[in-house]
Amino acid sequence: MAHRTDAECSARRGPETLFMIDPSMPYGRCSDAEESLVGDRMMIYHRRTGRALVLNPTGSWLWQNLVKPMSAVELAECLERRYAGLSPEQARDDVIGFLQSLLEQELLLPAPTPSSSRTDGVS
């Protein structure tokens, strides 16, 4: 399938994946990530871990969309608009797999929400 969003250099993980994506939670890029676009593929280097990851063209496009925090639901909607004929279920599954891979590589973090970033002591 030409639109796979998995990070190509990471091993596929089964249902034992330790990182679960909350589809409605916004996620953002880790500040330790440096990126470089080579053709239509994004190379991401994690400064702290020293690991590098090469994304396929669709993963690269999704990574570029994460310039501001987005949820899996929002990214899946973007992916559906980009690829006519892609079912909502397939878009959601591809995006969740992609985000899980980035989370496992420590390249993605849950983004603070207004309620979790309050500093006035009120909860």
PDB file of N, CA and C in Angstrom:
ATOM      1  N   MET A   1       0.842  -1.171   0.000  1.00  0.00           N
ATOM      2  CA  MET A   1       0.000   0.000   0.000  1.00  0.00           C
ATOM      3  C   MET A   1       0.891   1.239   0.000  1.00  0.00           C
ATOM      4  N   ALA A   2       0.718   2.136  -0.900  1.00  0.00           N
ATOM      5  CA  ALA A   2       1.598   3.284  -1.087  1.00  0.00           C
ATOM      6  C   ALA A   2       1.507   4.307   0.034  1.00  0.00           C
ATOM      7  N   HIS A   3       0.438   4.322   0.796  1.00  0.00           N
ATOM      8  CA  HIS A   3       0.275   5.374   1.789  1.00  0.00           C
ATOM      9  C   HIS A   3       0.594   4.928   3.214  1.00  0.00           C
ATOM     10  N   ARG A   4       1.322   3.824   3.401  1.00  0.00           N
ATOM     11  CA  ARG A   4       1.645   3.368   4.754  1.00  0.00           C
ATOM     12  C   ARG A   4       2.346   4.478   5.519  1.00  0.00           C
ATOM     13  N   THR A   5       2.038   4.583   6.790  1.00  0.00           N
ATOM     14  CA  THR A   5       2.588   5.662   7.593  1.00  0.00           C
ATOM     15  C   THR A   5       3.567   5.173   8.637  1.00  0.00           C
ATOM     16  N   ASP A   6       3.894   3.910   8.646  1.00  0.00           N
ATOM     17  CA  ASP A   6       4.824   3.395   9.635  1.00  0.00           C
ATOM     18  C   ASP A   6       6.222   3.936   9.383  1.00  0.00           C
ATOM     19  N   ALA A   7       6.962   4.154  10.447  1.00  0.00           N
ATOM     20  CA  ALA A   7       8.360   4.527  10.314  1.00  0.00           C
ATOM     21  C   ALA A   7       9.076   3.300   9.754  1.00  0.00           C
ATOM     22  N   GLU A   8       9.720   3.452   8.607  1.00  0.00           N
ATOM     23  CA  GLU A   8      10.250   2.299   7.893  1.00  0.00           C
ATOM     24  C   GLU A   8      11.423   1.635   8.595  1.00  0.00           C
ATOM     25  N   CYS A   9      12.164   2.345   9.404  1.00  0.00           N
ATOM     26  CA  CYS A   9      13.333   1.720  10.007  1.00  0.00           C
ATOM     27  C   CYS A   9      13.029   1.085  11.357  1.00  0.00           C
ATOM     28  N   SER A  10      11.834   1.222  11.868  1.00  0.00           N
ATOM     29  CA  SER A  10      11.530   0.612  13.157  1.00  0.00           C
ATOM     30  C   SER A  10      10.859  -0.738  12.946  1.00  0.00           C
ATOM     31  N   ALA A  11      11.140  -1.636  13.859  1.00  0.00           N
ATOM     32  CA  ALA A  11      10.539  -2.968  13.770  1.00  0.00           C
ATOM     33  C   ALA A  11       9.055  -2.865  14.088  1.00  0.00           C
ATOM     34  N   ARG A  12       8.260  -3.660  13.408  1.00  0.00           N
ATOM     35  CA  ARG A  12       6.827  -3.686  13.693  1.00  0.00           C
ATOM     36  C   ARG A  12       6.613  -4.311  15.052  1.00  0.00           C
ATOM     37  N   ARG A  13       5.703  -3.752  15.795  1.00  0.00           N
ATOM     38  CA  ARG A  13       5.373  -4.274  17.110  1.00  0.00           C
ATOM     39  C   ARG A  13       3.984  -4.861  17.067  1.00  0.00           C
ATOM     40  N   GLY A  14       3.792  -5.892  17.833  1.00  0.00           N
ATOM     41  CA  GLY A  14       2.503  -6.561  17.889  1.00  0.00           C
ATOM     42  C   GLY A  14       1.594  -5.921  18.908  1.00  0.00           C
ATOM     43  N   PRO A  15       0.557  -6.641  19.333  1.00  0.00           N
ATOM     44  CA  PRO A  15      -0.394  -6.085  20.287  1.00  0.00           C
ATOM     45  C   PRO A  15       0.211  -5.835  21.661  1.00  0.00           C
ATOM     46  N   GLU A  16       1.466  -6.267  21.880  1.00  0.00           N
ATOM     47  CA  GLU A  16       2.106  -6.053  23.168  1.00  0.00           C
ATOM     48  C   GLU A  16       2.686  -4.652  23.314  1.00  0.00           C
ATOM     49  N   THR A  17       2.460  -3.774  22.341  1.00  0.00           N
ATOM     50  CA  THR A  17       2.987  -2.417  22.386  1.00  0.00           C
ATOM     51  C   THR A  17       2.671  -1.774  23.735  1.00  0.00           C
ATOM     52  N   LEU A  18       3.683  -1.189  24.346  1.00  0.00           N
ATOM     53  CA  LEU A  18       3.534  -0.605  25.675  1.00  0.00           C
ATOM     54  C   LEU A  18       2.947   0.793  25.645  1.00  0.00           C
ATOM     55  N   PHE A  19       3.009   1.476  24.529  1.00  0.00           N
ATOM     56  CA  PHE A  19       2.548   2.840  24.426  1.00  0.00           C
ATOM     57  C   PHE A  19       1.203   2.861  23.723  1.00  0.00           C
ATOM     58  N   MET A  20       0.211   3.334  24.417  1.00  0.00           N
ATOM     59  CA  MET A  20      -1.123   3.389  23.831  1.00  0.00           C
ATOM     60  C   MET A  20      -1.460   4.841  23.515  1.00  0.00           C
ATOM     61  N   ILE A  21      -1.936   5.051  22.333  1.00  0.00           N
ATOM     62  CA  ILE A  21      -2.314   6.388  21.880  1.00  0.00           C
ATOM     63  C   ILE A  21      -3.770   6.647  22.244  1.00  0.00           C
ATOM     64  N   ASP A  22      -4.017   7.766  22.887  1.00  0.00           N
ATOM     65  CA  ASP A  22      -5.382   8.240  23.119  1.00  0.00           C
ATOM     66  C   ASP A  22      -5.749   9.043  21.880  1.00  0.00           C
ATOM     67  N   PRO A  23      -6.700   8.548  21.058  1.00  0.00           N
ATOM     68  CA  PRO A  23      -6.998   9.211  19.784  1.00  0.00           C
ATOM     69  C   PRO A  23      -7.406  10.676  19.900  1.00  0.00           C
ATOM     70  N   SER A  24      -7.952  11.081  21.034  1.00  0.00           N
ATOM     71  CA  SER A  24      -8.409  12.464  21.168  1.00  0.00           C
ATOM     72  C   SER A  24      -7.367  13.387  21.801  1.00  0.00           C
ATOM     73  N   MET A  25      -6.275  12.827  22.312  1.00  0.00           N
ATOM     74  CA  MET A  25      -5.246  13.637  22.965  1.00  0.00           C
ATOM     75  C   MET A  25      -4.299  14.238  21.935  1.00  0.00           C
ATOM     76  N   PRO A  26      -3.994  15.524  22.053  1.00  0.00           N
ATOM     77  CA  PRO A  26      -3.012  16.104  21.127  1.00  0.00           C
ATOM     78  C   PRO A  26      -1.592  15.650  21.480  1.00  0.00           C
ATOM     79  N   TYR A  27      -0.809  15.394  20.454  1.00  0.00           N
ATOM     80  CA  TYR A  27       0.590  15.002  20.615  1.00  0.00           C
ATOM     81  C   TYR A  27       1.447  15.975  19.839  1.00  0.00           C
ATOM     82  N   GLY A  28       2.641  16.221  20.349  1.00  0.00           N
ATOM     83  CA  GLY A  28       3.559  17.135  19.694  1.00  0.00           C
ATOM     84  C   GLY A  28       4.949  16.538  19.603  1.00  0.00           C
ATOM     85  N   ARG A  29       5.758  17.149  18.784  1.00  0.00           N
ATOM     86  CA  ARG A  29       7.133  16.697  18.590  1.00  0.00           C
ATOM     87  C   ARG A  29       7.972  16.912  19.849  1.00  0.00           C
ATOM     88  N   CYS A  30       8.906  16.012  20.071  1.00  0.00           N
ATOM     89  CA  CYS A  30       9.875  16.150  21.154  1.00  0.00           C
ATOM     90  C   CYS A  30      10.865  17.248  20.775  1.00  0.00           C
ATOM     91  N   SER A  31      11.252  18.063  21.724  1.00  0.00           N
ATOM     92  CA  SER A  31      12.178  19.161  21.425  1.00  0.00           C
ATOM     93  C   SER A  31      13.588  18.665  21.104  1.00  0.00           C
ATOM     94  N   ASP A  32      13.890  17.396  21.394  1.00  0.00           N
ATOM     95  CA  ASP A  32      15.207  16.830  21.080  1.00  0.00           C
ATOM     96  C   ASP A  32      15.296  16.326  19.643  1.00  0.00           C
ATOM     97  N   ALA A  33      14.220  16.452  18.874  1.00  0.00           N
ATOM     98  CA  ALA A  33      14.196  15.941  17.501  1.00  0.00           C
ATOM     99  C   ALA A  33      14.687  16.998  16.522  1.00  0.00           C
ATOM    100  N   GLU A  34      15.623  16.587  15.686  1.00  0.00           N
ATOM    101  CA  GLU A  34      16.074  17.414  14.567  1.00  0.00           C
ATOM    102  C   GLU A  34      15.655  16.705  13.298  1.00  0.00           C
ATOM    103  N   GLU A  35      15.272  17.455  12.302  1.00  0.00           N
ATOM    104  CA  GLU A  35      14.772  16.840  11.071  1.00  0.00           C
ATOM    105  C   GLU A  35      15.498  17.368   9.865  1.00  0.00           C
ATOM    106  N   SER A  36      15.510  16.535   8.831  1.00  0.00           N
ATOM    107  CA  SER A  36      16.074  16.934   7.553  1.00  0.00           C
ATOM    108  C   SER A  36      15.299  16.201   6.465  1.00  0.00           C
ATOM    109  N   LEU A  37      14.785  16.949   5.511  1.00  0.00           N
ATOM    110  CA  LEU A  37      14.032  16.367   4.412  1.00  0.00           C
ATOM    111  C   LEU A  37      15.007  16.007   3.291  1.00  0.00           C
ATOM    112  N   VAL A  38      14.993  14.737   2.895  1.00  0.00           N
ATOM    113  CA  VAL A  38      15.847  14.244   1.816  1.00  0.00           C
ATOM    114  C   VAL A  38      14.907  13.684   0.751  1.00  0.00           C
ATOM    115  N   GLY A  39      14.728  14.416  -0.323  1.00  0.00           N
ATOM    116  CA  GLY A  39      13.730  14.024  -1.321  1.00  0.00           C
ATOM    117  C   GLY A  39      12.347  14.129  -0.694  1.00  0.00           C
ATOM    118  N   ASP A  40      11.608  13.033  -0.706  1.00  0.00           N
ATOM    119  CA  ASP A  40      10.277  13.035  -0.085  1.00  0.00           C
ATOM    120  C   ASP A  40      10.255  12.284   1.240  1.00  0.00           C
ATOM    121  N   ARG A  41      11.442  12.036   1.816  1.00  0.00           N
ATOM    122  CA  ARG A  41      11.549  11.308   3.080  1.00  0.00           C
ATOM    123  C   ARG A  41      12.173  12.190   4.154  1.00  0.00           C
ATOM    124  N   MET A  42      11.584  12.127   5.330  1.00  0.00           N
ATOM    125  CA  MET A  42      12.088  12.900   6.462  1.00  0.00           C
ATOM    126  C   MET A  42      13.022  12.020   7.284  1.00  0.00           C
ATOM    127  N   MET A  43      14.213  12.556   7.571  1.00  0.00           N
ATOM    128  CA  MET A  43      15.129  11.895   8.485  1.00  0.00           C
ATOM    129  C   MET A  43      15.038  12.659   9.800  1.00  0.00           C
ATOM    130  N   ILE A  44      14.762  11.931  10.869  1.00  0.00           N
ATOM    131  CA  ILE A  44      14.644  12.556  12.184  1.00  0.00           C
ATOM    132  C   ILE A  44      15.754  12.007  13.063  1.00  0.00           C
ATOM    133  N   TYR A  45      16.492  12.903  13.679  1.00  0.00           N
ATOM    134  CA  TYR A  45      17.583  12.538  14.582  1.00  0.00           C
ATOM    135  C   TYR A  45      17.200  12.967  15.987  1.00  0.00           C
ATOM    136  N   HIS A  46      17.290  12.045  16.925  1.00  0.00           N
ATOM    137  CA  HIS A  46      17.002  12.343  18.333  1.00  0.00           C
ATOM    138  C   HIS A  46      18.323  12.655  19.020  1.00  0.00           C
ATOM    139  N   ARG A  47      18.524  13.926  19.365  1.00  0.00           N
ATOM    140  CA  ARG A  47      19.805  14.367  19.940  1.00  0.00           C
ATOM    141  C   ARG A  47      20.159  13.633  21.225  1.00  0.00           C
ATOM    142  N   ARG A  48      19.207  13.366  22.085  1.00  0.00           N
ATOM    143  CA  ARG A  48      19.518  12.747  23.380  1.00  0.00           C
ATOM    144  C   ARG A  48      19.866  11.270  23.242  1.00  0.00           C
ATOM    145  N   THR A  49      19.105  10.531  22.439  1.00  0.00           N
ATOM    146  CA  THR A  49      19.338   9.088  22.326  1.00  0.00           C
ATOM    147  C   THR A  49      20.345   8.738  21.237  1.00  0.00           C
ATOM    148  N   GLY A  50      20.576   9.655  20.292  1.00  0.00           N
ATOM    149  CA  GLY A  50      21.487   9.385  19.194  1.00  0.00           C
ATOM    150  C   GLY A  50      20.888   8.504  18.109  1.00  0.00           C
ATOM    151  N   ARG A  51      19.594   8.239  18.191  1.00  0.00           N
ATOM    152  CA  ARG A  51      18.935   7.398  17.183  1.00  0.00           C
ATOM    153  C   ARG A  51      18.407   8.257  16.038  1.00  0.00           C
ATOM    154  N   ALA A  52      18.390   7.636  14.865  1.00  0.00           N
ATOM    155  CA  ALA A  52      17.840   8.295  13.683  1.00  0.00           C
ATOM    156  C   ALA A  52      16.717   7.438  13.122  1.00  0.00           C
ATOM    157  N   LEU A  53      15.770   8.089  12.497  1.00  0.00           N
ATOM    158  CA  LEU A  53      14.598   7.427  11.940  1.00  0.00           C
ATOM    159  C   LEU A  53      14.326   8.037  10.574  1.00  0.00           C
ATOM    160  N   VAL A  54      14.047   7.206   9.591  1.00  0.00           N
ATOM    161  CA  VAL A  54      13.686   7.687   8.258  1.00  0.00           C
ATOM    162  C   VAL A  54      12.226   7.332   8.027  1.00  0.00           C
ATOM    163  N   LEU A  55      11.438   8.339   7.698  1.00  0.00           N
ATOM    164  CA  LEU A  55      10.010   8.150   7.460  1.00  0.00           C
ATOM    165  C   LEU A  55       9.725   8.028   5.973  1.00  0.00           C
ATOM    166  N   ASN A  56       8.727   7.239   5.641  1.00  0.00           N
ATOM    167  CA  ASN A  56       8.299   7.161   4.248  1.00  0.00           C
ATOM    168  C   ASN A  56       7.596   8.470   3.887  1.00  0.00           C
ATOM    169  N   PRO A  57       7.238   8.681   2.620  1.00  0.00           N
ATOM    170  CA  PRO A  57       6.650   9.967   2.226  1.00  0.00           C
ATOM    171  C   PRO A  57       5.391  10.352   3.015  1.00  0.00           C
ATOM    172  N   THR A  58       4.511   9.396   3.285  1.00  0.00           N
ATOM    173  CA  THR A  58       3.301   9.731   4.040  1.00  0.00           C
ATOM    174  C   THR A  58       3.634  10.036   5.490  1.00  0.00           C
ATOM    175  N   GLY A  59       4.524   9.250   6.082  1.00  0.00           N
ATOM    176  CA  GLY A  59       4.966   9.539   7.451  1.00  0.00           C
ATOM    177  C   GLY A  59       5.632  10.897   7.536  1.00  0.00           C
ATOM    178  N   SER A  60       6.389  11.252   6.497  1.00  0.00           N
ATOM    179  CA  SER A  60       7.035  12.566   6.453  1.00  0.00           C
ATOM    180  C   SER A  60       5.992  13.674   6.416  1.00  0.00           C
ATOM    181  N   TRP A  61       4.950  13.470   5.619  1.00  0.00           N
ATOM    182  CA  TRP A  61       3.872  14.453   5.536  1.00  0.00           C
ATOM    183  C   TRP A  61       3.158  14.587   6.877  1.00  0.00           C
ATOM    184  N   LEU A  62       2.894  13.452   7.535  1.00  0.00           N
ATOM    185  CA  LEU A  62       2.248  13.506   8.857  1.00  0.00           C
ATOM    186  C   LEU A  62       3.148  14.220   9.870  1.00  0.00           C
ATOM    187  N   TRP A  63       4.453  13.921   9.847  1.00  0.00           N
ATOM    188  CA  TRP A  63       5.397  14.577  10.758  1.00  0.00           C
ATOM    189  C   TRP A  63       5.362  16.091  10.545  1.00  0.00           C
ATOM    190  N   GLN A  64       5.322  16.524   9.305  1.00  0.00           N
ATOM    191  CA  GLN A  64       5.278  17.958   9.028  1.00  0.00           C
ATOM    192  C   GLN A  64       3.989  18.576   9.572  1.00  0.00           C
ATOM    193  N   ASN A  65       2.907  17.818   9.579  1.00  0.00           N
ATOM    194  CA  ASN A  65       1.650  18.314  10.148  1.00  0.00           C
ATOM    195  C   ASN A  65       1.729  18.449  11.665  1.00  0.00           C
ATOM    196  N   LEU A  66       2.660  17.740  12.285  1.00  0.00           N
ATOM    197  CA  LEU A  66       2.805  17.806  13.738  1.00  0.00           C
ATOM    198  C   LEU A  66       3.645  19.007  14.189  1.00  0.00           C
ATOM    199  N   VAL A  67       3.837  19.983  13.306  1.00  0.00           N
ATOM    200  CA  VAL A  67       4.547  21.200  13.688  1.00  0.00           C
ATOM    201  C   VAL A  67       3.802  21.879  14.839  1.00  0.00           C
ATOM    202  N   LYS A  68       2.488  21.685  14.880  1.00  0.00           N
ATOM    203  CA  LYS A  68       1.695  22.084  16.040  1.00  0.00           C
ATOM    204  C   LYS A  68       1.018  20.807  16.549  1.00  0.00           C
ATOM    205  N   PRO A  69       0.833  20.678  17.859  1.00  0.00           N
ATOM    206  CA  PRO A  69       0.235  19.449  18.391  1.00  0.00           C
ATOM    207  C   PRO A  69      -1.127  19.148  17.767  1.00  0.00           C
ATOM    208  N   MET A  70      -1.320  17.876  17.463  1.00  0.00           N
ATOM    209  CA  MET A  70      -2.572  17.403  16.877  1.00  0.00           C
ATOM    210  C   MET A  70      -2.913  16.044  17.476  1.00  0.00           C
ATOM    211  N   SER A  71      -4.185  15.726  17.469  1.00  0.00           N
ATOM    212  CA  SER A  71      -4.641  14.417  17.935  1.00  0.00           C
ATOM    213  C   SER A  71      -4.629  13.429  16.771  1.00  0.00           C
ATOM    214  N   ALA A  72      -4.720  12.148  17.110  1.00  0.00           N
ATOM    215  CA  ALA A  72      -4.819  11.115  16.074  1.00  0.00           C
ATOM    216  C   ALA A  72      -6.071  11.325  15.230  1.00  0.00           C
ATOM    217  N   VAL A  73      -7.151  11.751  15.862  1.00  0.00           N
ATOM    218  CA  VAL A  73      -8.394  12.008  15.142  1.00  0.00           C
ATOM    219  C   VAL A  73      -8.175  13.105  14.096  1.00  0.00           C
ATOM    220  N   GLU A  74      -7.525  14.197  14.488  1.00  0.00           N
ATOM    221  CA  GLU A  74      -7.275  15.302  13.560  1.00  0.00           C
ATOM    222  C   GLU A  74      -6.349  14.878  12.423  1.00  0.00           C
ATOM    223  N   LEU A  75      -5.288  14.149  12.761  1.00  0.00           N
ATOM    224  CA  LEU A  75      -4.359  13.695  11.726  1.00  0.00           C
ATOM    225  C   LEU A  75      -5.030  12.722  10.757  1.00  0.00           C
ATOM    226  N   ALA A  76      -5.872  11.840  11.292  1.00  0.00           N
ATOM    227  CA  ALA A  76      -6.579  10.884  10.432  1.00  0.00           C
ATOM    228  C   ALA A  76      -7.501  11.619   9.460  1.00  0.00           C
ATOM    229  N   GLU A  77      -8.155  12.675   9.921  1.00  0.00           N
ATOM    230  CA  GLU A  77      -9.011  13.469   9.032  1.00  0.00           C
ATOM    231  C   GLU A  77      -8.180  14.118   7.932  1.00  0.00           C
ATOM    232  N   CYS A  78      -6.998  14.616   8.277  1.00  0.00           N
ATOM    233  CA  CYS A  78      -6.098  15.194   7.266  1.00  0.00           C
ATOM    234  C   CYS A  78      -5.685  14.128   6.251  1.00  0.00           C
ATOM    235  N   LEU A  79      -5.378  12.935   6.735  1.00  0.00           N
ATOM    236  CA  LEU A  79      -4.953  11.849   5.862  1.00  0.00           C
ATOM    237  C   LEU A  79      -6.078  11.426   4.915  1.00  0.00           C
ATOM    238  N   GLU A  80      -7.300  11.377   5.426  1.00  0.00           N
ATOM    239  CA  GLU A  80      -8.456  11.041   4.583  1.00  0.00           C
ATOM    240  C   GLU A  80      -8.631  12.061   3.452  1.00  0.00           C
ATOM    241  N   ARG A  81      -8.438  13.344   3.780  1.00  0.00           N
ATOM    242  CA  ARG A  81      -8.567  14.386   2.752  1.00  0.00           C
ATOM    243  C   ARG A  81      -7.455  14.261   1.709  1.00  0.00           C
ATOM    244  N   ARG A  82      -6.275  13.867   2.148  1.00  0.00           N
ATOM    245  CA  ARG A  82      -5.128  13.756   1.235  1.00  0.00           C
ATOM    246  C   ARG A  82      -5.259  12.557   0.290  1.00  0.00           C
ATOM    247  N   TYR A  83      -5.788  11.444   0.792  1.00  0.00           N
ATOM    248  CA  TYR A  83      -5.896  10.217  -0.003  1.00  0.00           C
ATOM    249  C   TYR A  83      -7.355   9.856  -0.215  1.00  0.00           C
ATOM    250  N   ALA A  84      -7.893  10.248  -1.352  1.00  0.00           N
ATOM    251  CA  ALA A  84      -9.279   9.936  -1.688  1.00  0.00           C
ATOM    252  C   ALA A  84      -9.455   8.417  -1.686  1.00  0.00           C
ATOM    253  N   GLY A  85     -10.536   7.973  -1.119  1.00  0.00           N
ATOM    254  CA  GLY A  85     -10.816   6.544  -1.091  1.00  0.00           C
ATOM    255  C   GLY A  85     -10.286   5.836   0.146  1.00  0.00           C
ATOM    256  N   LEU A  86      -9.495   6.515   0.948  1.00  0.00           N
ATOM    257  CA  LEU A  86      -9.000   5.923   2.190  1.00  0.00           C
ATOM    258  C   LEU A  86     -10.131   5.935   3.208  1.00  0.00           C
ATOM    259  N   SER A  87     -10.435   4.783   3.764  1.00  0.00           N
ATOM    260  CA  SER A  87     -11.536   4.710   4.727  1.00  0.00           C
ATOM    261  C   SER A  87     -11.140   5.381   6.037  1.00  0.00           C
ATOM    262  N   PRO A  88     -12.120   5.896   6.774  1.00  0.00           N
ATOM    263  CA  PRO A  88     -11.823   6.498   8.080  1.00  0.00           C
ATOM    264  C   PRO A  88     -11.128   5.510   9.023  1.00  0.00           C
ATOM    265  N   GLU A  89     -11.520   4.245   8.963  1.00  0.00           N
ATOM    266  CA  GLU A  89     -10.924   3.228   9.835  1.00  0.00           C
ATOM    267  C   GLU A  89      -9.459   3.005   9.490  1.00  0.00           C
ATOM    268  N   GLN A  90      -9.152   2.919   8.186  1.00  0.00           N
ATOM    269  CA  GLN A  90      -7.768   2.711   7.767  1.00  0.00           C
ATOM    270  C   GLN A  90      -6.916   3.929   8.104  1.00  0.00           C
ATOM    271  N   ALA A  91      -7.450   5.121   7.895  1.00  0.00           N
ATOM    272  CA  ALA A  91      -6.717   6.349   8.234  1.00  0.00           C
ATOM    273  C   ALA A  91      -6.421   6.381   9.731  1.00  0.00           C
ATOM    274  N   ARG A  92      -7.434   6.063  10.550  1.00  0.00           N
ATOM    275  CA  ARG A  92      -7.240   6.056  12.005  1.00  0.00           C
ATOM    276  C   ARG A  92      -6.191   5.029  12.406  1.00  0.00           C
ATOM    277  N   ASP A  93      -6.290   3.811  11.878  1.00  0.00           N
ATOM    278  CA  ASP A  93      -5.337   2.760  12.227  1.00  0.00           C
ATOM    279  C   ASP A  93      -3.917   3.122  11.804  1.00  0.00           C
ATOM    280  N   ASP A  94      -3.761   3.679  10.600  1.00  0.00           N
ATOM    281  CA  ASP A  94      -2.439   4.077  10.129  1.00  0.00           C
ATOM    282  C   ASP A  94      -1.849   5.185  10.997  1.00  0.00           C
ATOM    283  N   VAL A  95      -2.662   6.173  11.326  1.00  0.00           N
ATOM    284  CA  VAL A  95      -2.173   7.293  12.139  1.00  0.00           C
ATOM    285  C   VAL A  95      -1.818   6.821  13.546  1.00  0.00           C
ATOM    286  N   ILE A  96      -2.654   6.000  14.146  1.00  0.00           N
ATOM    287  CA  ILE A  96      -2.354   5.504  15.497  1.00  0.00           C
ATOM    288  C   ILE A  96      -1.062   4.685  15.488  1.00  0.00           C
ATOM    289  N   GLY A  97      -0.880   3.833  14.485  1.00  0.00           N
ATOM    290  CA  GLY A  97       0.365   3.074  14.377  1.00  0.00           C
ATOM    291  C   GLY A  97       1.578   3.976  14.226  1.00  0.00           C
ATOM    292  N   PHE A  98       1.431   5.009  13.417  1.00  0.00           N
ATOM    293  CA  PHE A  98       2.511   5.974  13.202  1.00  0.00           C
ATOM    294  C   PHE A  98       2.851   6.708  14.501  1.00  0.00           C
ATOM    295  N   LEU A  99       1.827   7.206  15.196  1.00  0.00           N
ATOM    296  CA  LEU A  99       2.057   7.929  16.448  1.00  0.00           C
ATOM    297  C   LEU A  99       2.655   7.018  17.507  1.00  0.00           C
ATOM    298  N   GLN A 100       2.206   5.763  17.577  1.00  0.00           N
ATOM    299  CA  GLN A 100       2.782   4.825  18.542  1.00  0.00           C
ATOM    300  C   GLN A 100       4.264   4.614  18.270  1.00  0.00           C
ATOM    301  N   SER A 101       4.611   4.482  17.001  1.00  0.00           N
ATOM    302  CA  SER A 101       6.009   4.300  16.637  1.00  0.00           C
ATOM    303  C   SER A 101       6.848   5.510  17.071  1.00  0.00           C
ATOM    304  N   LEU A 102       6.342   6.715  16.818  1.00  0.00           N
ATOM    305  CA  LEU A 102       7.068   7.918  17.236  1.00  0.00           C
ATOM    306  C   LEU A 102       7.172   8.011  18.752  1.00  0.00           C
ATOM    307  N   LEU A 103       6.116   7.626  19.447  1.00  0.00           N
ATOM    308  CA  LEU A 103       6.126   7.647  20.909  1.00  0.00           C
ATOM    309  C   LEU A 103       7.159   6.662  21.446  1.00  0.00           C
ATOM    310  N   GLU A 104       7.217   5.481  20.864  1.00  0.00           N
ATOM    311  CA  GLU A 104       8.191   4.467  21.278  1.00  0.00           C
ATOM    312  C   GLU A 104       9.620   4.929  21.027  1.00  0.00           C
ATOM    313  N   GLN A 105       9.823   5.717  19.972  1.00  0.00           N
ATOM    314  CA  GLN A 105      11.149   6.244  19.642  1.00  0.00           C
ATOM    315  C   GLN A 105      11.476   7.514  20.435  1.00  0.00           C
ATOM    316  N   GLU A 106      10.561   7.919  21.322  1.00  0.00           N
ATOM    317  CA  GLU A 106      10.718   9.121  22.149  1.00  0.00           C
ATOM    318  C   GLU A 106      10.778  10.400  21.311  1.00  0.00           C
ATOM    319  N   LEU A 107      10.119  10.386  20.155  1.00  0.00           N
ATOM    320  CA  LEU A 107      10.085  11.557  19.288  1.00  0.00           C
ATOM    321  C   LEU A 107       8.790  12.335  19.408  1.00  0.00           C
ATOM    322  N   LEU A 108       7.869  11.829  20.202  1.00  0.00           N
ATOM    323  CA  LEU A 108       6.543  12.407  20.342  1.00  0.00           C
ATOM    324  C   LEU A 108       6.187  12.450  21.817  1.00  0.00           C
ATOM    325  N   LEU A 109       5.483  13.488  22.215  1.00  0.00           N
ATOM    326  CA  LEU A 109       5.043  13.633  23.601  1.00  0.00           C
ATOM    327  C   LEU A 109       3.593  14.083  23.627  1.00  0.00           C
ATOM    328  N   PRO A 110       2.841  13.667  24.650  1.00  0.00           N
ATOM    329  CA  PRO A 110       1.501  14.248  24.805  1.00  0.00           C
ATOM    330  C   PRO A 110       1.649  15.751  25.010  1.00  0.00           C
ATOM    331  N   ALA A 111       0.855  16.523  24.315  1.00  0.00           N
ATOM    332  CA  ALA A 111       0.922  17.982  24.434  1.00  0.00           C
ATOM    333  C   ALA A 111       0.115  18.422  25.645  1.00  0.00           C
ATOM    334  N   PRO A 112       0.611  19.400  26.377  1.00  0.00           N
ATOM    335  CA  PRO A 112      -0.171  19.905  27.502  1.00  0.00           C
ATOM    336  C   PRO A 112      -1.484  20.511  27.011  1.00  0.00           C
ATOM    337  N   THR A 113      -2.517  20.275  27.757  1.00  0.00           N
ATOM    338  CA  THR A 113      -3.818  20.864  27.446  1.00  0.00           C
ATOM    339  C   THR A 113      -4.034  22.038  28.381  1.00  0.00           C
ATOM    340  N   PRO A 114      -4.911  22.956  28.041  1.00  0.00           N
ATOM    341  CA  PRO A 114      -5.128  24.112  28.913  1.00  0.00           C
ATOM    342  C   PRO A 114      -5.445  23.713  30.357  1.00  0.00           C
ATOM    343  N   SER A 115      -6.211  22.647  30.557  1.00  0.00           N
ATOM    344  CA  SER A 115      -6.558  22.253  31.922  1.00  0.00           C
ATOM    345  C   SER A 115      -5.380  21.649  32.671  1.00  0.00           C
ATOM    346  N   SER A 116      -4.403  21.026  31.934  1.00  0.00           N
ATOM    347  CA  SER A 116      -3.269  20.412  32.615  1.00  0.00           C
ATOM    348  C   SER A 116      -2.121  21.386  32.828  1.00  0.00           C
ATOM    349  N   SER A 117      -2.206  22.570  32.246  1.00  0.00           N
ATOM    350  CA  SER A 117      -1.105  23.533  32.376  1.00  0.00           C
ATOM    351  C   SER A 117      -1.463  24.713  33.281  1.00  0.00           C
ATOM    352  N   ARG A 118      -2.534  24.581  34.025  1.00  0.00           N
ATOM    353  CA  ARG A 118      -2.933  25.673  34.914  1.00  0.00           C
ATOM    354  C   ARG A 118      -1.924  25.828  36.036  1.00  0.00           C
ATOM    355  N   THR A 119      -1.629  27.059  36.383  1.00  0.00           N
ATOM    356  CA  THR A 119      -0.642  27.327  37.434  1.00  0.00           C
ATOM    357  C   THR A 119      -1.275  28.057  38.609  1.00  0.00           C
ATOM    358  N   ASP A 120      -2.588  28.240  38.605  1.00  0.00           N
ATOM    359  CA  ASP A 120      -3.213  29.011  39.667  1.00  0.00           C
ATOM    360  C   ASP A 120      -3.682  28.129  40.836  1.00  0.00           C
ATOM    361  N   GLY A 121      -3.342  26.834  40.806  1.00  0.00           N
ATOM    362  CA  GLY A 121      -3.704  25.955  41.900  1.00  0.00           C
ATOM    363  C   GLY A 121      -5.116  25.430  41.834  1.00  0.00           C
ATOM    364  N   VAL A 122      -5.874  25.816  40.825  1.00  0.00           N
ATOM    365  CA  VAL A 122      -7.255  25.362  40.688  1.00  0.00           C
ATOM    366  C   VAL A 122      -7.262  24.153  39.769  1.00  0.00           C
ATOM    367  N   SER A 123      -7.989  23.096  40.182  1.00  0.00           N
ATOM    368  CA  SER A 123      -8.066  21.929  39.309  1.00  0.00           C
ATOM    369  C   SER A 123      -9.486  21.593  38.961  1.00  0.00           C
TER     370      SER A 123
END
